[in-house]
Every structure is written in structure tokens, then in C-alpha cells.
């Protein structure tokens, strides 16, 4: 998925839908419904803070590693 962030966001939306829907994730992510739908859209361009909140709500930790 390198170079295709829109596919990554759509995949996250599919995970959110499978876990009870995007609307349910808004409470966990502490984002409003409209923001979460926008983040997880094909044209989404979330800030790191929003993406981290979304990933955390879905049960995925955001981890950064060095590329050696």
C-alpha cells in the first residue's frame, strides 16, 4: 500500500464498519461523526493526531520504526 494512502484509509473504514460502524467509533476516537467519515474517506487527509485517535479506537497502535 506504499504510496496509496487512500486505500489504507478505505481499509480502515472497512475495519470500522466490521467493528460496529463508523458512528460507533466516534465515541472511542473522541471525534465527531462527520470528521471520522471524512478521515476514512477516499479523499481523507487526516492529521497525525486524528489518525492516531482513529487507529487507537480500532485497536491498532501507531508505531514508528527506523528503516535500516
C-alpha atoms as a PDB file:
ATOM      1  CA  UNK A   1       0.000   0.000   0.000  1.00  0.00           C
ATOM      2  CA  UNK A   2       3.005   2.251  -0.117  1.00  0.00           C
ATOM      3  CA  UNK A   3       2.148   5.406  -1.994  1.00  0.00           C
ATOM      4  CA  UNK A   4      -1.598   4.780  -1.841  1.00  0.00           C
ATOM      5  CA  UNK A   5      -2.863   6.344   1.389  1.00  0.00           C
ATOM      6  CA  UNK A   6      -6.467   6.425   0.116  1.00  0.00           C
ATOM      7  CA  UNK A   7      -6.511   2.602   0.018  1.00  0.00           C
ATOM      8  CA  UNK A   8      -5.206   2.490   3.572  1.00  0.00           C
ATOM      9  CA  UNK A   9      -7.965   4.833   4.742  1.00  0.00           C
ATOM     10  CA  UNK A  10     -10.639   2.818   2.933  1.00  0.00           C
ATOM     11  CA  UNK A  11      -9.287  -0.346   4.546  1.00  0.00           C
ATOM     12  CA  UNK A  12      -9.552   1.340   7.960  1.00  0.00           C
ATOM     13  CA  UNK A  13     -13.144   2.288   7.145  1.00  0.00           C
ATOM     14  CA  UNK A  14     -13.886  -1.363   6.338  1.00  0.00           C
ATOM     15  CA  UNK A  15     -12.414  -2.374   9.705  1.00  0.00           C
ATOM     16  CA  UNK A  16     -14.526   0.273  11.454  1.00  0.00           C
ATOM     17  CA  UNK A  17     -17.661  -0.982   9.692  1.00  0.00           C
ATOM     18  CA  UNK A  18     -16.834  -4.561  10.702  1.00  0.00           C
ATOM     19  CA  UNK A  19     -16.420  -3.471  14.325  1.00  0.00           C
ATOM     20  CA  UNK A  20     -19.882  -1.944  14.567  1.00  0.00           C
ATOM     21  CA  UNK A  21     -19.787   1.008  12.216  1.00  0.00           C
ATOM     22  CA  UNK A  22     -18.045   4.322  11.873  1.00  0.00           C
ATOM     23  CA  UNK A  23     -20.636   6.064  14.032  1.00  0.00           C
ATOM     24  CA  UNK A  24     -19.825   3.763  16.951  1.00  0.00           C
ATOM     25  CA  UNK A  25     -16.129   4.531  16.554  1.00  0.00           C
ATOM     26  CA  UNK A  26     -16.680   8.250  17.052  1.00  0.00           C
ATOM     27  CA  UNK A  27     -17.076   7.831  20.798  1.00  0.00           C
ATOM     28  CA  UNK A  28     -13.916   5.756  21.134  1.00  0.00           C
ATOM     29  CA  UNK A  29     -11.898   8.054  18.887  1.00  0.00           C
ATOM     30  CA  UNK A  30     -13.307  11.185  20.540  1.00  0.00           C
ATOM     31  CA  UNK A  31     -14.022  12.641  17.104  1.00  0.00           C
ATOM     32  CA  UNK A  32     -17.348  13.798  15.742  1.00  0.00           C
ATOM     33  CA  UNK A  33     -19.128  11.598  13.225  1.00  0.00           C
ATOM     34  CA  UNK A  34     -18.558  13.900  10.258  1.00  0.00           C
ATOM     35  CA  UNK A  35     -14.830  14.142  10.994  1.00  0.00           C
ATOM     36  CA  UNK A  36     -14.437  10.382  11.246  1.00  0.00           C
ATOM     37  CA  UNK A  37     -16.293   9.783   7.989  1.00  0.00           C
ATOM     38  CA  UNK A  38     -14.094  12.420   6.321  1.00  0.00           C
ATOM     39  CA  UNK A  39     -10.890  10.885   7.709  1.00  0.00           C
ATOM     40  CA  UNK A  40     -11.871   7.425   6.474  1.00  0.00           C
ATOM     41  CA  UNK A  41     -12.967   8.570   3.039  1.00  0.00           C
ATOM     42  CA  UNK A  42     -11.103   8.048  -0.213  1.00  0.00           C
ATOM     43  CA  UNK A  43     -10.147  11.724  -0.171  1.00  0.00           C
ATOM     44  CA  UNK A  44      -9.358  11.828   3.530  1.00  0.00           C
ATOM     45  CA  UNK A  45      -6.213  13.602   4.591  1.00  0.00           C
ATOM     46  CA  UNK A  46      -6.141  13.216   8.358  1.00  0.00           C
ATOM     47  CA  UNK A  47      -3.741  14.952  10.669  1.00  0.00           C
ATOM     48  CA  UNK A  48      -1.494  12.597  12.603  1.00  0.00           C
ATOM     49  CA  UNK A  49      -3.425  13.264  15.822  1.00  0.00           C
ATOM     50  CA  UNK A  50      -6.740  12.309  14.167  1.00  0.00           C
ATOM     51  CA  UNK A  51      -5.269   9.228  12.511  1.00  0.00           C
ATOM     52  CA  UNK A  52      -3.761   8.129  15.835  1.00  0.00           C
ATOM     53  CA  UNK A  53      -7.146   8.550  17.566  1.00  0.00           C
ATOM     54  CA  UNK A  54      -8.861   6.574  14.834  1.00  0.00           C
ATOM     55  CA  UNK A  55      -6.295   3.757  14.922  1.00  0.00           C
ATOM     56  CA  UNK A  56      -6.445   3.622  18.726  1.00  0.00           C
ATOM     57  CA  UNK A  57     -10.254   3.368  18.637  1.00  0.00           C
ATOM     58  CA  UNK A  58      -9.973   0.434  16.218  1.00  0.00           C
ATOM     59  CA  UNK A  59      -7.452  -1.330  18.452  1.00  0.00           C
ATOM     60  CA  UNK A  60      -4.348  -0.623  16.381  1.00  0.00           C
ATOM     61  CA  UNK A  61      -1.368   1.086  17.993  1.00  0.00           C
ATOM     62  CA  UNK A  62       0.511   3.623  15.910  1.00  0.00           C
ATOM     63  CA  UNK A  63       4.144   2.531  15.901  1.00  0.00           C
ATOM     64  CA  UNK A  64       7.062   4.206  14.190  1.00  0.00           C
ATOM     65  CA  UNK A  65      10.199   2.207  13.448  1.00  0.00           C
ATOM     66  CA  UNK A  66      13.504   3.061  11.861  1.00  0.00           C
ATOM     67  CA  UNK A  67      14.097   1.825   8.338  1.00  0.00           C
ATOM     68  CA  UNK A  68      17.618   0.431   8.236  1.00  0.00           C
END
